[in-house]
Amino acid sequence: MRKTLDLLNDLETTARYIATEVKHLRDNLTKLPPQEVKPFHQDLQNALDTLRTIAYRLYHLSVLSTKDEDNSGPNLRKELGL
């Protein structure tokens, strides 16, 4: 269990680091002319695709960890306020 909690802590720390770097990157890129920003687009798209895959995996693990809860579509929409 300890190793699992360490992994969760590392995931959370990494997520905070990513958020900080995104903020710095946004600040820097908004200062550049559009033609200099364009080369970053594909790398940013790849990073976004990777993060979405990770988010899906974490969501799936979260659902699996709450087997006794009602994870039906209507209940999840209600929890998310949709």
PDB file of N, CA and C in Angstrom:
ATOM      1  N   MET A   1       0.828  -1.191   0.000  1.00  0.00           N
ATOM      2  CA  MET A   1       0.000   0.000   0.000  1.00  0.00           C
ATOM      3  C   MET A   1       0.872   1.255   0.000  1.00  0.00           C
ATOM      4  N   ARG A   2       1.979   1.217   0.717  1.00  0.00           N
ATOM      5  CA  ARG A   2       2.866   2.387   0.805  1.00  0.00           C
ATOM      6  C   ARG A   2       3.370   2.791  -0.575  1.00  0.00           C
ATOM      7  N   LYS A   3       3.786   1.816  -1.383  1.00  0.00           N
ATOM      8  CA  LYS A   3       4.294   2.126  -2.711  1.00  0.00           C
ATOM      9  C   LYS A   3       3.200   2.738  -3.586  1.00  0.00           C
ATOM     10  N   THR A   4       1.985   2.275  -3.419  1.00  0.00           N
ATOM     11  CA  THR A   4       0.860   2.826  -4.183  1.00  0.00           C
ATOM     12  C   THR A   4       0.616   4.270  -3.787  1.00  0.00           C
ATOM     13  N   LEU A   5       0.651   4.559  -2.494  1.00  0.00           N
ATOM     14  CA  LEU A   5       0.464   5.943  -2.041  1.00  0.00           C
ATOM     15  C   LEU A   5       1.600   6.840  -2.525  1.00  0.00           C
ATOM     16  N   ASP A   6       2.815   6.308  -2.552  1.00  0.00           N
ATOM     17  CA  ASP A   6       3.944   7.071  -3.082  1.00  0.00           C
ATOM     18  C   ASP A   6       3.728   7.400  -4.559  1.00  0.00           C
ATOM     19  N   LEU A   7       3.203   6.426  -5.306  1.00  0.00           N
ATOM     20  CA  LEU A   7       2.914   6.666  -6.723  1.00  0.00           C
ATOM     21  C   LEU A   7       1.853   7.747  -6.889  1.00  0.00           C
ATOM     22  N   LEU A   8       0.823   7.691  -6.063  1.00  0.00           N
ATOM     23  CA  LEU A   8      -0.226   8.711  -6.134  1.00  0.00           C
ATOM     24  C   LEU A   8       0.338  10.098  -5.814  1.00  0.00           C
ATOM     25  N   ASN A   9       1.202  10.170  -4.807  1.00  0.00           N
ATOM     26  CA  ASN A   9       1.845  11.443  -4.471  1.00  0.00           C
ATOM     27  C   ASN A   9       2.713  11.940  -5.625  1.00  0.00           C
ATOM     28  N   ASP A  10       3.448  11.031  -6.255  1.00  0.00           N
ATOM     29  CA  ASP A  10       4.282  11.403  -7.393  1.00  0.00           C
ATOM     30  C   ASP A  10       3.426  11.884  -8.570  1.00  0.00           C
ATOM     31  N   LEU A  11       2.294  11.231  -8.808  1.00  0.00           N
ATOM     32  CA  LEU A  11       1.379  11.664  -9.869  1.00  0.00           C
ATOM     33  C   LEU A  11       0.872  13.077  -9.604  1.00  0.00           C
ATOM     34  N   GLU A  12       0.487  13.329  -8.370  1.00  0.00           N
ATOM     35  CA  GLU A  12      -0.028  14.649  -8.003  1.00  0.00           C
ATOM     36  C   GLU A  12       1.049  15.727  -8.149  1.00  0.00           C
ATOM     37  N   THR A  13       2.257  15.419  -7.713  1.00  0.00           N
ATOM     38  CA  THR A  13       3.366  16.362  -7.834  1.00  0.00           C
ATOM     39  C   THR A  13       3.680  16.637  -9.304  1.00  0.00           C
ATOM     40  N   THR A  14       3.685  15.593 -10.112  1.00  0.00           N
ATOM     41  CA  THR A  14       3.954  15.749 -11.536  1.00  0.00           C
ATOM     42  C   THR A  14       2.867  16.582 -12.206  1.00  0.00           C
ATOM     43  N   ALA A  15       1.614  16.368 -11.812  1.00  0.00           N
ATOM     44  CA  ALA A  15       0.507  17.150 -12.378  1.00  0.00           C
ATOM     45  C   ALA A  15       0.674  18.633 -12.041  1.00  0.00           C
ATOM     46  N   ARG A  16       1.083  18.933 -10.814  1.00  0.00           N
ATOM     47  CA  ARG A  16       1.316  20.332 -10.425  1.00  0.00           C
ATOM     48  C   ARG A  16       2.470  20.936 -11.230  1.00  0.00           C
ATOM     49  N   TYR A  17       3.508  20.143 -11.427  1.00  0.00           N
ATOM     50  CA  TYR A  17       4.655  20.598 -12.217  1.00  0.00           C
ATOM     51  C   TYR A  17       4.219  20.898 -13.652  1.00  0.00           C
ATOM     52  N   ILE A  18       3.430  20.008 -14.241  1.00  0.00           N
ATOM     53  CA  ILE A  18       2.940  20.215 -15.602  1.00  0.00           C
ATOM     54  C   ILE A  18       2.115  21.497 -15.675  1.00  0.00           C
ATOM     55  N   ALA A  19       1.242  21.704 -14.708  1.00  0.00           N
ATOM     56  CA  ALA A  19       0.414  22.916 -14.699  1.00  0.00           C
ATOM     57  C   ALA A  19       1.282  24.172 -14.633  1.00  0.00           C
ATOM     58  N   THR A  20       2.330  24.127 -13.839  1.00  0.00           N
ATOM     59  CA  THR A  20       3.238  25.273 -13.726  1.00  0.00           C
ATOM     60  C   THR A  20       3.963  25.518 -15.043  1.00  0.00           C
ATOM     61  N   GLU A  21       4.447  24.454 -15.661  1.00  0.00           N
ATOM     62  CA  GLU A  21       5.166  24.600 -16.932  1.00  0.00           C
ATOM     63  C   GLU A  21       4.243  25.093 -18.046  1.00  0.00           C
ATOM     64  N   VAL A  22       2.998  24.652 -18.038  1.00  0.00           N
ATOM     65  CA  VAL A  22       2.033  25.126 -19.036  1.00  0.00           C
ATOM     66  C   VAL A  22       1.825  26.627 -18.869  1.00  0.00           C
ATOM     67  N   LYS A  23       1.724  27.076 -17.635  1.00  0.00           N
ATOM     68  CA  LYS A  23       1.552  28.514 -17.378  1.00  0.00           C
ATOM     69  C   LYS A  23       2.751  29.300 -17.915  1.00  0.00           C
ATOM     70  N   HIS A  24       3.970  28.831 -17.631  1.00  0.00           N
ATOM     71  CA  HIS A  24       5.170  29.511 -18.115  1.00  0.00           C
ATOM     72  C   HIS A  24       5.213  29.501 -19.650  1.00  0.00           C
ATOM     73  N   LEU A  25       4.875  28.362 -20.231  1.00  0.00           N
ATOM     74  CA  LEU A  25       4.889  28.244 -21.688  1.00  0.00           C
ATOM     75  C   LEU A  25       3.861  29.183 -22.312  1.00  0.00           C
ATOM     76  N   ARG A  26       2.666  29.252 -21.731  1.00  0.00           N
ATOM     77  CA  ARG A  26       1.641  30.168 -22.232  1.00  0.00           C
ATOM     78  C   ARG A  26       2.142  31.607 -22.163  1.00  0.00           C
ATOM     79  N   ASP A  27       2.712  31.971 -21.023  1.00  0.00           N
ATOM     80  CA  ASP A  27       3.237  33.331 -20.866  1.00  0.00           C
ATOM     81  C   ASP A  27       4.295  33.651 -21.929  1.00  0.00           C
ATOM     82  N   ASN A  28       5.177  32.689 -22.185  1.00  0.00           N
ATOM     83  CA  ASN A  28       6.247  32.895 -23.159  1.00  0.00           C
ATOM     84  C   ASN A  28       5.724  32.924 -24.590  1.00  0.00           C
ATOM     85  N   LEU A  29       4.828  31.992 -24.925  1.00  0.00           N
ATOM     86  CA  LEU A  29       4.341  31.905 -26.305  1.00  0.00           C
ATOM     87  C   LEU A  29       3.467  33.089 -26.688  1.00  0.00           C
ATOM     88  N   THR A  30       2.736  33.630 -25.728  1.00  0.00           N
ATOM     89  CA  THR A  30       1.877  34.775 -26.060  1.00  0.00           C
ATOM     90  C   THR A  30       2.694  36.029 -26.376  1.00  0.00           C
ATOM     91  N   LYS A  31       3.973  36.015 -26.043  1.00  0.00           N
ATOM     92  CA  LYS A  31       4.840  37.150 -26.343  1.00  0.00           C
ATOM     93  C   LYS A  31       5.481  37.040 -27.736  1.00  0.00           C
ATOM     94  N   LEU A  32       5.337  35.866 -28.349  1.00  0.00           N
ATOM     95  CA  LEU A  32       5.959  35.643 -29.651  1.00  0.00           C
ATOM     96  C   LEU A  32       4.997  35.963 -30.785  1.00  0.00           C
ATOM     97  N   PRO A  33       5.534  36.308 -31.955  1.00  0.00           N
ATOM     98  CA  PRO A  33       4.667  36.485 -33.121  1.00  0.00           C
ATOM     99  C   PRO A  33       4.114  35.124 -33.558  1.00  0.00           C
ATOM    100  N   PRO A  34       2.928  35.106 -34.177  1.00  0.00           N
ATOM    101  CA  PRO A  34       2.267  33.843 -34.550  1.00  0.00           C
ATOM    102  C   PRO A  34       3.140  32.869 -35.344  1.00  0.00           C
ATOM    103  N   GLN A  35       3.947  33.365 -36.244  1.00  0.00           N
ATOM    104  CA  GLN A  35       4.774  32.459 -37.055  1.00  0.00           C
ATOM    105  C   GLN A  35       5.812  31.723 -36.212  1.00  0.00           C
ATOM    106  N   GLU A  36       6.196  32.290 -35.079  1.00  0.00           N
ATOM    107  CA  GLU A  36       7.157  31.608 -34.203  1.00  0.00           C
ATOM    108  C   GLU A  36       6.470  30.631 -33.254  1.00  0.00           C
ATOM    109  N   VAL A  37       5.178  30.774 -33.080  1.00  0.00           N
ATOM    110  CA  VAL A  37       4.417  29.879 -32.204  1.00  0.00           C
ATOM    111  C   VAL A  37       4.036  28.597 -32.942  1.00  0.00           C
ATOM    112  N   LYS A  38       3.811  28.719 -34.238  1.00  0.00           N
ATOM    113  CA  LYS A  38       3.321  27.595 -35.044  1.00  0.00           C
ATOM    114  C   LYS A  38       4.148  26.304 -34.879  1.00  0.00           C
ATOM    115  N   PRO A  39       5.485  26.355 -34.854  1.00  0.00           N
ATOM    116  CA  PRO A  39       6.266  25.115 -34.712  1.00  0.00           C
ATOM    117  C   PRO A  39       5.978  24.340 -33.408  1.00  0.00           C
ATOM    118  N   PHE A  40       5.420  24.997 -32.410  1.00  0.00           N
ATOM    119  CA  PHE A  40       5.124  24.338 -31.140  1.00  0.00           C
ATOM    120  C   PHE A  40       3.833  23.518 -31.192  1.00  0.00           C
ATOM    121  N   HIS A  41       3.002  23.791 -32.201  1.00  0.00           N
ATOM    122  CA  HIS A  41       1.651  23.223 -32.235  1.00  0.00           C
ATOM    123  C   HIS A  41       1.629  21.691 -32.162  1.00  0.00           C
ATOM    124  N   GLN A  42       2.392  21.009 -33.002  1.00  0.00           N
ATOM    125  CA  GLN A  42       2.343  19.549 -33.026  1.00  0.00           C
ATOM    126  C   GLN A  42       2.847  18.943 -31.717  1.00  0.00           C
ATOM    127  N   ASP A  43       3.907  19.498 -31.159  1.00  0.00           N
ATOM    128  CA  ASP A  43       4.402  18.992 -29.871  1.00  0.00           C
ATOM    129  C   ASP A  43       3.358  19.180 -28.771  1.00  0.00           C
ATOM    130  N   LEU A  44       2.691  20.324 -28.792  1.00  0.00           N
ATOM    131  CA  LEU A  44       1.636  20.571 -27.797  1.00  0.00           C
ATOM    132  C   LEU A  44       0.460  19.626 -28.002  1.00  0.00           C
ATOM    133  N   GLN A  45       0.099  19.358 -29.258  1.00  0.00           N
ATOM    134  CA  GLN A  45      -0.992  18.423 -29.543  1.00  0.00           C
ATOM    135  C   GLN A  45      -0.636  17.025 -29.048  1.00  0.00           C
ATOM    136  N   ASN A  46       0.598  16.600 -29.283  1.00  0.00           N
ATOM    137  CA  ASN A  46       1.043  15.281 -28.814  1.00  0.00           C
ATOM    138  C   ASN A  46       1.002  15.199 -27.292  1.00  0.00           C
ATOM    139  N   ALA A  47       1.444  16.267 -26.631  1.00  0.00           N
ATOM    140  CA  ALA A  47       1.415  16.285 -25.164  1.00  0.00           C
ATOM    141  C   ALA A  47      -0.023  16.216 -24.661  1.00  0.00           C
ATOM    142  N   LEU A  48      -0.917  16.956 -25.309  1.00  0.00           N
ATOM    143  CA  LEU A  48      -2.324  16.935 -24.913  1.00  0.00           C
ATOM    144  C   LEU A  48      -2.926  15.547 -25.095  1.00  0.00           C
ATOM    145  N   ASP A  49      -2.632  14.903 -26.209  1.00  0.00           N
ATOM    146  CA  ASP A  49      -3.150  13.554 -26.452  1.00  0.00           C
ATOM    147  C   ASP A  49      -2.654  12.579 -25.376  1.00  0.00           C
ATOM    148  N   THR A  50      -1.390  12.700 -25.010  1.00  0.00           N
ATOM    149  CA  THR A  50      -0.825  11.835 -23.970  1.00  0.00           C
ATOM    150  C   THR A  50      -1.509  12.084 -22.623  1.00  0.00           C
ATOM    151  N   LEU A  51      -1.706  13.355 -22.281  1.00  0.00           N
ATOM    152  CA  LEU A  51      -2.362  13.685 -21.008  1.00  0.00           C
ATOM    153  C   LEU A  51      -3.810  13.205 -20.982  1.00  0.00           C
ATOM    154  N   ARG A  52      -4.498  13.293 -22.107  1.00  0.00           N
ATOM    155  CA  ARG A  52      -5.875  12.785 -22.158  1.00  0.00           C
ATOM    156  C   ARG A  52      -5.914  11.281 -21.950  1.00  0.00           C
ATOM    157  N   THR A  53      -4.948  10.569 -22.512  1.00  0.00           N
ATOM    158  CA  THR A  53      -4.862   9.116 -22.310  1.00  0.00           C
ATOM    159  C   THR A  53      -4.615   8.806 -20.836  1.00  0.00           C
ATOM    160  N   ILE A  54      -3.723   9.539 -20.221  1.00  0.00           N
ATOM    161  CA  ILE A  54      -3.422   9.348 -18.802  1.00  0.00           C
ATOM    162  C   ILE A  54      -4.658   9.649 -17.956  1.00  0.00           C
ATOM    163  N   ALA A  55      -5.354  10.738 -18.277  1.00  0.00           N
ATOM    164  CA  ALA A  55      -6.557  11.109 -17.532  1.00  0.00           C
ATOM    165  C   ALA A  55      -7.606  10.010 -17.639  1.00  0.00           C
ATOM    166  N   TYR A  56      -7.766   9.430 -18.813  1.00  0.00           N
ATOM    167  CA  TYR A  56      -8.727   8.345 -18.991  1.00  0.00           C
ATOM    168  C   TYR A  56      -8.339   7.139 -18.141  1.00  0.00           C
ATOM    169  N   ARG A  57      -7.058   6.814 -18.139  1.00  0.00           N
ATOM    170  CA  ARG A  57      -6.599   5.665 -17.335  1.00  0.00           C
ATOM    171  C   ARG A  57      -6.833   5.907 -15.849  1.00  0.00           C
ATOM    172  N   LEU A  58      -6.547   7.112 -15.384  1.00  0.00           N
ATOM    173  CA  LEU A  58      -6.752   7.432 -13.968  1.00  0.00           C
ATOM    174  C   LEU A  58      -8.244   7.403 -13.626  1.00  0.00           C
ATOM    175  N   TYR A  59      -9.084   7.915 -14.525  1.00  0.00           N
ATOM    176  CA  TYR A  59     -10.526   7.864 -14.303  1.00  0.00           C
ATOM    177  C   TYR A  59     -10.977   6.412 -14.205  1.00  0.00           C
ATOM    178  N   HIS A  60     -10.475   5.579 -15.107  1.00  0.00           N
ATOM    179  CA  HIS A  60     -10.840   4.156 -15.090  1.00  0.00           C
ATOM    180  C   HIS A  60     -10.426   3.511 -13.765  1.00  0.00           C
ATOM    181  N   LEU A  61      -9.233   3.810 -13.296  1.00  0.00           N
ATOM    182  CA  LEU A  61      -8.777   3.272 -12.006  1.00  0.00           C
ATOM    183  C   LEU A  61      -9.653   3.784 -10.864  1.00  0.00           C
ATOM    184  N   SER A  62     -10.053   5.040 -10.947  1.00  0.00           N
ATOM    185  CA  SER A  62     -10.925   5.610  -9.921  1.00  0.00           C
ATOM    186  C   SER A  62     -12.259   4.878  -9.877  1.00  0.00           C
ATOM    187  N   VAL A  63     -12.811   4.605 -11.050  1.00  0.00           N
ATOM    188  CA  VAL A  63     -14.082   3.871 -11.116  1.00  0.00           C
ATOM    189  C   VAL A  63     -13.905   2.467 -10.545  1.00  0.00           C
ATOM    190  N   LEU A  64     -12.813   1.809 -10.918  1.00  0.00           N
ATOM    191  CA  LEU A  64     -12.568   0.458 -10.404  1.00  0.00           C
ATOM    192  C   LEU A  64     -12.391   0.441  -8.890  1.00  0.00           C
ATOM    193  N   SER A  65     -11.857   1.511  -8.340  1.00  0.00           N
ATOM    194  CA  SER A  65     -11.612   1.551  -6.894  1.00  0.00           C
ATOM    195  C   SER A  65     -12.884   1.821  -6.100  1.00  0.00           C
ATOM    196  N   THR A  66     -13.971   2.131  -6.767  1.00  0.00           N
ATOM    197  CA  THR A  66     -15.244   2.420  -6.095  1.00  0.00           C
ATOM    198  C   THR A  66     -16.321   1.459  -6.563  1.00  0.00           C
ATOM    199  N   LYS A  67     -16.006   0.183  -6.587  1.00  0.00           N
ATOM    200  CA  LYS A  67     -16.929  -0.829  -7.114  1.00  0.00           C
ATOM    201  C   LYS A  67     -18.280  -0.818  -6.414  1.00  0.00           C
ATOM    202  N   ASP A  68     -18.310  -0.478  -5.144  1.00  0.00           N
ATOM    203  CA  ASP A  68     -19.562  -0.526  -4.402  1.00  0.00           C
ATOM    204  C   ASP A  68     -20.453   0.687  -4.661  1.00  0.00           C
ATOM    205  N   GLU A  69     -19.898   1.711  -5.290  1.00  0.00           N
ATOM    206  CA  GLU A  69     -20.680   2.910  -5.566  1.00  0.00           C
ATOM    207  C   GLU A  69     -21.451   2.752  -6.871  1.00  0.00           C
ATOM    208  N   ASP A  70     -22.467   3.563  -7.029  1.00  0.00           N
ATOM    209  CA  ASP A  70     -23.269   3.552  -8.241  1.00  0.00           C
ATOM    210  C   ASP A  70     -22.559   4.378  -9.312  1.00  0.00           C
ATOM    211  N   ASN A  71     -21.917   3.701 -10.250  1.00  0.00           N
ATOM    212  CA  ASN A  71     -21.196   4.380 -11.318  1.00  0.00           C
ATOM    213  C   ASN A  71     -21.959   4.326 -12.635  1.00  0.00           C
ATOM    214  N   SER A  72     -23.260   4.241 -12.549  1.00  0.00           N
ATOM    215  CA  SER A  72     -24.056   4.230 -13.767  1.00  0.00           C
ATOM    216  C   SER A  72     -23.978   5.590 -14.446  1.00  0.00           C
ATOM    217  N   GLY A  73     -24.280   5.606 -15.720  1.00  0.00           N
ATOM    218  CA  GLY A  73     -24.249   6.847 -16.482  1.00  0.00           C
ATOM    219  C   GLY A  73     -25.055   7.963 -15.836  1.00  0.00           C
ATOM    220  N   PRO A  74     -26.328   7.709 -15.486  1.00  0.00           N
ATOM    221  CA  PRO A  74     -27.123   8.777 -14.875  1.00  0.00           C
ATOM    222  C   PRO A  74     -26.528   9.297 -13.566  1.00  0.00           C
ATOM    223  N   ASN A  75     -26.002   8.390 -12.747  1.00  0.00           N
ATOM    224  CA  ASN A  75     -25.428   8.815 -11.473  1.00  0.00           C
ATOM    225  C   ASN A  75     -24.153   9.626 -11.682  1.00  0.00           C
ATOM    226  N   LEU A  76     -23.297   9.212 -12.634  1.00  0.00           N
ATOM    227  CA  LEU A  76     -22.076   9.972 -12.896  1.00  0.00           C
ATOM    228  C   LEU A  76     -22.405  11.364 -13.441  1.00  0.00           C
ATOM    229  N   ARG A  77     -23.390  11.445 -14.321  1.00  0.00           N
ATOM    230  CA  ARG A  77     -23.800  12.762 -14.840  1.00  0.00           C
ATOM    231  C   ARG A  77     -24.305  13.647 -13.700  1.00  0.00           C
ATOM    232  N   LYS A  78     -25.045  13.038 -12.764  1.00  0.00           N
ATOM    233  CA  LYS A  78     -25.560  13.793 -11.627  1.00  0.00           C
ATOM    234  C   LYS A  78     -24.398  14.312 -10.774  1.00  0.00           C
ATOM    235  N   GLU A  79     -23.410  13.445 -10.499  1.00  0.00           N
ATOM    236  CA  GLU A  79     -22.253  13.843  -9.700  1.00  0.00           C
ATOM    237  C   GLU A  79     -21.463  14.962 -10.370  1.00  0.00           C
ATOM    238  N   LEU A  80     -21.389  14.923 -11.705  1.00  0.00           N
ATOM    239  CA  LEU A  80     -20.633  15.925 -12.449  1.00  0.00           C
ATOM    240  C   LEU A  80     -21.451  17.172 -12.727  1.00  0.00           C
ATOM    241  N   GLY A  81     -22.722  17.157 -12.341  1.00  0.00           N
ATOM    242  CA  GLY A  81     -23.577  18.302 -12.551  1.00  0.00           C
ATOM    243  C   GLY A  81     -23.996  18.489 -13.997  1.00  0.00           C
ATOM    244  N   LEU A  82     -24.079  17.383 -14.738  1.00  0.00           N
ATOM    245  CA  LEU A  82     -24.459  17.470 -16.151  1.00  0.00           C
ATOM    246  C   LEU A  82     -25.926  17.129 -16.355  1.00  0.00           C
TER     247      LEU A  82
END
